[in-house]
């Protein structure tokens, strides 16, 4: 029975590798940490990201309407 890691390593040209439960859990923790880190970074720069698409927040819309 082939595992996902065997298929990925064979596609990359590496010989099949054995991953013990400790290594597997570290890889899973690394993946979860990376996803959470990306989420936190996106939340920190959310206003900048919205600006790239021309989306304004309600506070910016209210400030512009007050200026008129």
PDB file of N, CA and C in Angstrom:
ATOM      1  N   UNK A   1       0.849  -1.180   0.000  1.00  0.00           N
ATOM      2  CA  UNK A   1       0.000   0.000   0.000  1.00  0.00           C
ATOM      3  C   UNK A   1       0.891   1.238   0.000  1.00  0.00           C
ATOM      4  N   UNK A   2       0.654   2.131  -0.938  1.00  0.00           N
ATOM      5  CA  UNK A   2       1.467   3.355  -1.047  1.00  0.00           C
ATOM      6  C   UNK A   2       0.825   4.467  -0.229  1.00  0.00           C
ATOM      7  N   UNK A   3       1.659   5.193   0.451  1.00  0.00           N
ATOM      8  CA  UNK A   3       1.192   6.345   1.206  1.00  0.00           C
ATOM      9  C   UNK A   3       1.415   7.617   0.398  1.00  0.00           C
ATOM     10  N   UNK A   4       0.787   8.684   0.831  1.00  0.00           N
ATOM     11  CA  UNK A   4       0.902   9.968   0.146  1.00  0.00           C
ATOM     12  C   UNK A   4       2.355  10.426   0.103  1.00  0.00           C
ATOM     13  N   UNK A   5       3.074  10.233   1.202  1.00  0.00           N
ATOM     14  CA  UNK A   5       4.470  10.664   1.234  1.00  0.00           C
ATOM     15  C   UNK A   5       5.309   9.870   0.239  1.00  0.00           C
ATOM     16  N   UNK A   6       5.024   8.589   0.069  1.00  0.00           N
ATOM     17  CA  UNK A   6       5.750   7.777  -0.910  1.00  0.00           C
ATOM     18  C   UNK A   6       5.515   8.300  -2.319  1.00  0.00           C
ATOM     19  N   UNK A   7       4.275   8.671  -2.610  1.00  0.00           N
ATOM     20  CA  UNK A   7       3.939   9.184  -3.943  1.00  0.00           C
ATOM     21  C   UNK A   7       4.639  10.525  -4.170  1.00  0.00           C
ATOM     22  N   UNK A   8       4.578  11.423  -3.186  1.00  0.00           N
ATOM     23  CA  UNK A   8       5.212  12.730  -3.340  1.00  0.00           C
ATOM     24  C   UNK A   8       6.718  12.608  -3.503  1.00  0.00           C
ATOM     25  N   UNK A   9       7.340  11.747  -2.714  1.00  0.00           N
ATOM     26  CA  UNK A   9       8.782  11.579  -2.816  1.00  0.00           C
ATOM     27  C   UNK A   9       9.177  10.929  -4.133  1.00  0.00           C
ATOM     28  N   UNK A  10       8.361  10.006  -4.637  1.00  0.00           N
ATOM     29  CA  UNK A  10       8.694   9.379  -5.913  1.00  0.00           C
ATOM     30  C   UNK A  10       8.543  10.372  -7.058  1.00  0.00           C
ATOM     31  N   UNK A  11       7.587  11.276  -6.960  1.00  0.00           N
ATOM     32  CA  UNK A  11       7.430  12.318  -7.976  1.00  0.00           C
ATOM     33  C   UNK A  11       8.646  13.241  -7.966  1.00  0.00           C
ATOM     34  N   UNK A  12       9.177  13.526  -6.782  1.00  0.00           N
ATOM     35  CA  UNK A  12      10.345  14.387  -6.653  1.00  0.00           C
ATOM     36  C   UNK A  12      11.646  13.655  -6.960  1.00  0.00           C
ATOM     37  N   UNK A  13      11.584  12.359  -7.172  1.00  0.00           N
ATOM     38  CA  UNK A  13      12.765  11.585  -7.512  1.00  0.00           C
ATOM     39  C   UNK A  13      13.541  11.082  -6.306  1.00  0.00           C
ATOM     40  N   UNK A  14      12.982  11.182  -5.126  1.00  0.00           N
ATOM     41  CA  UNK A  14      13.653  10.713  -3.918  1.00  0.00           C
ATOM     42  C   UNK A  14      13.169   9.297  -3.600  1.00  0.00           C
ATOM     43  N   UNK A  15      13.992   8.520  -2.949  1.00  0.00           N
ATOM     44  CA  UNK A  15      13.561   7.173  -2.564  1.00  0.00           C
ATOM     45  C   UNK A  15      12.486   7.246  -1.478  1.00  0.00           C
ATOM     46  N   UNK A  16      11.643   6.218  -1.358  1.00  0.00           N
ATOM     47  CA  UNK A  16      10.607   6.233  -0.314  1.00  0.00           C
ATOM     48  C   UNK A  16      11.233   6.402   1.073  1.00  0.00           C
ATOM     49  N   UNK A  17      10.569   7.156   1.905  1.00  0.00           N
ATOM     50  CA  UNK A  17      11.101   7.440   3.240  1.00  0.00           C
ATOM     51  C   UNK A  17      10.108   6.973   4.288  1.00  0.00           C
ATOM     52  N   UNK A  18      10.634   6.647   5.438  1.00  0.00           N
ATOM     53  CA  UNK A  18       9.797   6.260   6.567  1.00  0.00           C
ATOM     54  C   UNK A  18       9.632   7.460   7.482  1.00  0.00           C
ATOM     55  N   UNK A  19       8.401   7.777   7.801  1.00  0.00           N
ATOM     56  CA  UNK A  19       8.118   8.854   8.745  1.00  0.00           C
ATOM     57  C   UNK A  19       7.533   8.229   9.999  1.00  0.00           C
ATOM     58  N   UNK A  20       8.249   8.353  11.094  1.00  0.00           N
ATOM     59  CA  UNK A  20       7.706   7.836  12.337  1.00  0.00           C
ATOM     60  C   UNK A  20       6.675   8.834  12.876  1.00  0.00           C
ATOM     61  N   UNK A  21       5.881   8.429  13.869  1.00  0.00           N
ATOM     62  CA  UNK A  21       4.834   9.316  14.384  1.00  0.00           C
ATOM     63  C   UNK A  21       5.366  10.658  14.895  1.00  0.00           C
ATOM     64  N   UNK A  22       6.562  10.665  15.462  1.00  0.00           N
ATOM     65  CA  UNK A  22       7.130  11.922  15.945  1.00  0.00           C
ATOM     66  C   UNK A  22       7.404  12.897  14.814  1.00  0.00           C
ATOM     67  N   UNK A  23       7.978  12.394  13.732  1.00  0.00           N
ATOM     68  CA  UNK A  23       8.260  13.243  12.565  1.00  0.00           C
ATOM     69  C   UNK A  23       6.961  13.712  11.925  1.00  0.00           C
ATOM     70  N   UNK A  24       6.005  12.820  11.837  1.00  0.00           N
ATOM     71  CA  UNK A  24       4.715  13.198  11.259  1.00  0.00           C
ATOM     72  C   UNK A  24       4.023  14.277  12.049  1.00  0.00           C
ATOM     73  N   UNK A  25       4.071  14.174  13.381  1.00  0.00           N
ATOM     74  CA  UNK A  25       3.405  15.191  14.192  1.00  0.00           C
ATOM     75  C   UNK A  25       4.124  16.532  14.092  1.00  0.00           C
ATOM     76  N   UNK A  26       5.452  16.511  13.948  1.00  0.00           N
ATOM     77  CA  UNK A  26       6.185  17.772  13.767  1.00  0.00           C
ATOM     78  C   UNK A  26       5.794  18.419  12.444  1.00  0.00           C
ATOM     79  N   UNK A  27       5.675  17.613  11.388  1.00  0.00           N
ATOM     80  CA  UNK A  27       5.271  18.158  10.095  1.00  0.00           C
ATOM     81  C   UNK A  27       3.857  18.746  10.147  1.00  0.00           C
ATOM     82  N   UNK A  28       2.961  18.070  10.841  1.00  0.00           N
ATOM     83  CA  UNK A  28       1.596  18.582  10.979  1.00  0.00           C
ATOM     84  C   UNK A  28       1.600  19.887  11.766  1.00  0.00           C
ATOM     85  N   UNK A  29       2.383  19.955  12.853  1.00  0.00           N
ATOM     86  CA  UNK A  29       2.475  21.182  13.639  1.00  0.00           C
ATOM     87  C   UNK A  29       3.066  22.315  12.813  1.00  0.00           C
ATOM     88  N   UNK A  30       4.049  22.011  11.982  1.00  0.00           N
ATOM     89  CA  UNK A  30       4.653  23.018  11.114  1.00  0.00           C
ATOM     90  C   UNK A  30       3.632  23.558  10.127  1.00  0.00           C
ATOM     91  N   UNK A  31       2.835  22.681   9.548  1.00  0.00           N
ATOM     92  CA  UNK A  31       1.801  23.096   8.603  1.00  0.00           C
ATOM     93  C   UNK A  31       0.756  23.969   9.281  1.00  0.00           C
ATOM     94  N   UNK A  32       0.301  23.565  10.462  1.00  0.00           N
ATOM     95  CA  UNK A  32      -0.700  24.352  11.198  1.00  0.00           C
ATOM     96  C   UNK A  32      -0.131  25.717  11.575  1.00  0.00           C
ATOM     97  N   UNK A  33       1.114  25.754  12.043  1.00  0.00           N
ATOM     98  CA  UNK A  33       1.743  27.024  12.424  1.00  0.00           C
ATOM     99  C   UNK A  33       1.888  27.948  11.219  1.00  0.00           C
ATOM    100  N   UNK A  34       2.243  27.386  10.069  1.00  0.00           N
ATOM    101  CA  UNK A  34       2.379  28.202   8.859  1.00  0.00           C
ATOM    102  C   UNK A  34       1.033  28.796   8.452  1.00  0.00           C
ATOM    103  N   UNK A  35      -0.019  27.990   8.502  1.00  0.00           N
ATOM    104  CA  UNK A  35      -1.349  28.490   8.134  1.00  0.00           C
ATOM    105  C   UNK A  35      -1.825  29.577   9.103  1.00  0.00           C
ATOM    106  N   UNK A  36      -1.593  29.368  10.395  1.00  0.00           N
ATOM    107  CA  UNK A  36      -1.978  30.382  11.372  1.00  0.00           C
ATOM    108  C   UNK A  36      -1.150  31.653  11.208  1.00  0.00           C
ATOM    109  N   UNK A  37       0.119  31.505  10.904  1.00  0.00           N
ATOM    110  CA  UNK A  37       0.973  32.667  10.676  1.00  0.00           C
ATOM    111  C   UNK A  37       0.516  33.483   9.482  1.00  0.00           C
ATOM    112  N   UNK A  38       0.135  32.791   8.409  1.00  0.00           N
ATOM    113  CA  UNK A  38      -0.391  33.481   7.231  1.00  0.00           C
ATOM    114  C   UNK A  38      -1.680  34.211   7.579  1.00  0.00           C
ATOM    115  N   UNK A  39      -2.536  33.576   8.379  1.00  0.00           N
ATOM    116  CA  UNK A  39      -3.787  34.216   8.793  1.00  0.00           C
ATOM    117  C   UNK A  39      -3.557  35.459   9.635  1.00  0.00           C
ATOM    118  N   UNK A  40      -2.613  35.401  10.552  1.00  0.00           N
ATOM    119  CA  UNK A  40      -2.316  36.553  11.400  1.00  0.00           C
ATOM    120  C   UNK A  40      -1.709  37.677  10.567  1.00  0.00           C
ATOM    121  N   UNK A  41      -0.818  37.337   9.635  1.00  0.00           N
ATOM    122  CA  UNK A  41      -0.226  38.357   8.772  1.00  0.00           C
ATOM    123  C   UNK A  41      -1.303  39.021   7.909  1.00  0.00           C
ATOM    124  N   UNK A  42      -2.222  38.218   7.367  1.00  0.00           N
ATOM    125  CA  UNK A  42      -3.297  38.774   6.542  1.00  0.00           C
ATOM    126  C   UNK A  42      -4.187  39.695   7.374  1.00  0.00           C
ATOM    127  N   UNK A  43      -4.456  39.310   8.616  1.00  0.00           N
ATOM    128  CA  UNK A  43      -5.291  40.153   9.471  1.00  0.00           C
ATOM    129  C   UNK A  43      -4.585  41.469   9.798  1.00  0.00           C
ATOM    130  N   UNK A  44      -3.270  41.405   9.998  1.00  0.00           N
ATOM    131  CA  UNK A  44      -2.514  42.611  10.312  1.00  0.00           C
ATOM    132  C   UNK A  44      -2.496  43.587   9.136  1.00  0.00           C
ATOM    133  N   UNK A  45      -2.423  43.064   7.932  1.00  0.00           N
ATOM    134  CA  UNK A  45      -2.336  43.911   6.743  1.00  0.00           C
ATOM    135  C   UNK A  45      -3.653  43.973   5.978  1.00  0.00           C
ATOM    136  N   UNK A  46      -4.768  43.688   6.637  1.00  0.00           N
ATOM    137  CA  UNK A  46      -6.056  43.596   5.952  1.00  0.00           C
ATOM    138  C   UNK A  46      -6.436  44.898   5.256  1.00  0.00           C
ATOM    139  N   UNK A  47      -6.204  46.045   5.881  1.00  0.00           N
ATOM    140  CA  UNK A  47      -6.562  47.312   5.248  1.00  0.00           C
ATOM    141  C   UNK A  47      -5.719  47.547   4.001  1.00  0.00           C
ATOM    142  N   UNK A  48      -4.467  47.155   4.034  1.00  0.00           N
ATOM    143  CA  UNK A  48      -3.616  47.288   2.851  1.00  0.00           C
ATOM    144  C   UNK A  48      -4.096  46.364   1.739  1.00  0.00           C
ATOM    145  N   UNK A  49      -4.464  45.143   2.109  1.00  0.00           N
ATOM    146  CA  UNK A  49      -4.952  44.185   1.119  1.00  0.00           C
ATOM    147  C   UNK A  49      -6.240  44.692   0.484  1.00  0.00           C
ATOM    148  N   UNK A  50      -7.145  45.246   1.298  1.00  0.00           N
ATOM    149  CA  UNK A  50      -8.390  45.799   0.746  1.00  0.00           C
ATOM    150  C   UNK A  50      -8.092  46.973  -0.171  1.00  0.00           C
ATOM    151  N   UNK A  51      -7.077  47.773   0.156  1.00  0.00           N
ATOM    152  CA  UNK A  51      -6.704  48.918  -0.673  1.00  0.00           C
ATOM    153  C   UNK A  51      -6.243  48.497  -2.056  1.00  0.00           C
ATOM    154  N   UNK A  52      -5.600  47.334  -2.171  1.00  0.00           N
ATOM    155  CA  UNK A  52      -5.163  46.834  -3.473  1.00  0.00           C
ATOM    156  C   UNK A  52      -6.346  46.602  -4.397  1.00  0.00           C
ATOM    157  N   UNK A  53      -7.495  46.248  -3.807  1.00  0.00           N
ATOM    158  CA  UNK A  53      -8.690  45.974  -4.608  1.00  0.00           C
ATOM    159  C   UNK A  53      -9.657  47.152  -4.658  1.00  0.00           C
ATOM    160  N   UNK A  54      -9.269  48.284  -4.081  1.00  0.00           N
ATOM    161  CA  UNK A  54     -10.093  49.480  -4.119  1.00  0.00           C
ATOM    162  C   UNK A  54     -11.288  49.441  -3.185  1.00  0.00           C
ATOM    163  N   UNK A  55     -11.225  48.623  -2.150  1.00  0.00           N
ATOM    164  CA  UNK A  55     -12.328  48.507  -1.193  1.00  0.00           C
ATOM    165  C   UNK A  55     -12.045  49.442  -0.021  1.00  0.00           C
ATOM    166  N   UNK A  56     -13.017  50.265   0.331  1.00  0.00           N
ATOM    167  CA  UNK A  56     -12.853  51.189   1.444  1.00  0.00           C
ATOM    168  C   UNK A  56     -13.666  50.705   2.632  1.00  0.00           C
ATOM    169  N   UNK A  57     -13.201  51.032   3.834  1.00  0.00           N
ATOM    170  CA  UNK A  57     -13.954  50.674   5.026  1.00  0.00           C
ATOM    171  C   UNK A  57     -15.068  51.688   5.249  1.00  0.00           C
ATOM    172  N   UNK A  58     -16.011  51.352   6.108  1.00  0.00           N
ATOM    173  CA  UNK A  58     -17.120  52.254   6.407  1.00  0.00           C
ATOM    174  C   UNK A  58     -16.628  53.560   7.016  1.00  0.00           C
ATOM    175  N   UNK A  59     -15.595  53.482   7.839  1.00  0.00           N
ATOM    176  CA  UNK A  59     -15.057  54.689   8.469  1.00  0.00           C
ATOM    177  C   UNK A  59     -14.484  55.637   7.421  1.00  0.00           C
ATOM    178  N   UNK A  60     -13.801  55.108   6.409  1.00  0.00           N
ATOM    179  CA  UNK A  60     -13.263  55.951   5.350  1.00  0.00           C
ATOM    180  C   UNK A  60     -14.386  56.575   4.534  1.00  0.00           C
ATOM    181  N   UNK A  61     -15.460  55.816   4.263  1.00  0.00           N
ATOM    182  CA  UNK A  61     -16.604  56.354   3.526  1.00  0.00           C
ATOM    183  C   UNK A  61     -17.264  57.485   4.306  1.00  0.00           C
ATOM    184  N   UNK A  62     -17.404  57.321   5.619  1.00  0.00           N
ATOM    185  CA  UNK A  62     -18.028  58.355   6.453  1.00  0.00           C
ATOM    186  C   UNK A  62     -17.158  59.607   6.501  1.00  0.00           C
ATOM    187  N   UNK A  63     -15.840  59.439   6.558  1.00  0.00           N
ATOM    188  CA  UNK A  63     -14.936  60.584   6.567  1.00  0.00           C
ATOM    189  C   UNK A  63     -15.038  61.371   5.277  1.00  0.00           C
ATOM    190  N   UNK A  64     -15.167  60.690   4.144  1.00  0.00           N
ATOM    191  CA  UNK A  64     -15.294  61.372   2.863  1.00  0.00           C
ATOM    192  C   UNK A  64     -16.626  62.103   2.759  1.00  0.00           C
ATOM    193  N   UNK A  65     -17.703  61.518   3.288  1.00  0.00           N
ATOM    194  CA  UNK A  65     -19.001  62.172   3.220  1.00  0.00           C
ATOM    195  C   UNK A  65     -19.061  63.378   4.156  1.00  0.00           C
ATOM    196  N   UNK A  66     -18.313  63.358   5.262  1.00  0.00           N
ATOM    197  CA  UNK A  66     -18.264  64.494   6.172  1.00  0.00           C
ATOM    198  C   UNK A  66     -17.498  65.662   5.556  1.00  0.00           C
ATOM    199  N   UNK A  67     -16.527  65.381   4.703  1.00  0.00           N
ATOM    200  CA  UNK A  67     -15.710  66.423   4.084  1.00  0.00           C
ATOM    201  C   UNK A  67     -16.481  67.217   3.049  1.00  0.00           C
ATOM    202  N   UNK A  68     -17.535  66.679   2.502  1.00  0.00           N
ATOM    203  CA  UNK A  68     -18.294  67.361   1.419  1.00  0.00           C
ATOM    204  C   UNK A  68     -19.193  68.428   1.929  1.00  0.00           C
TER     205      UNK A  68
END
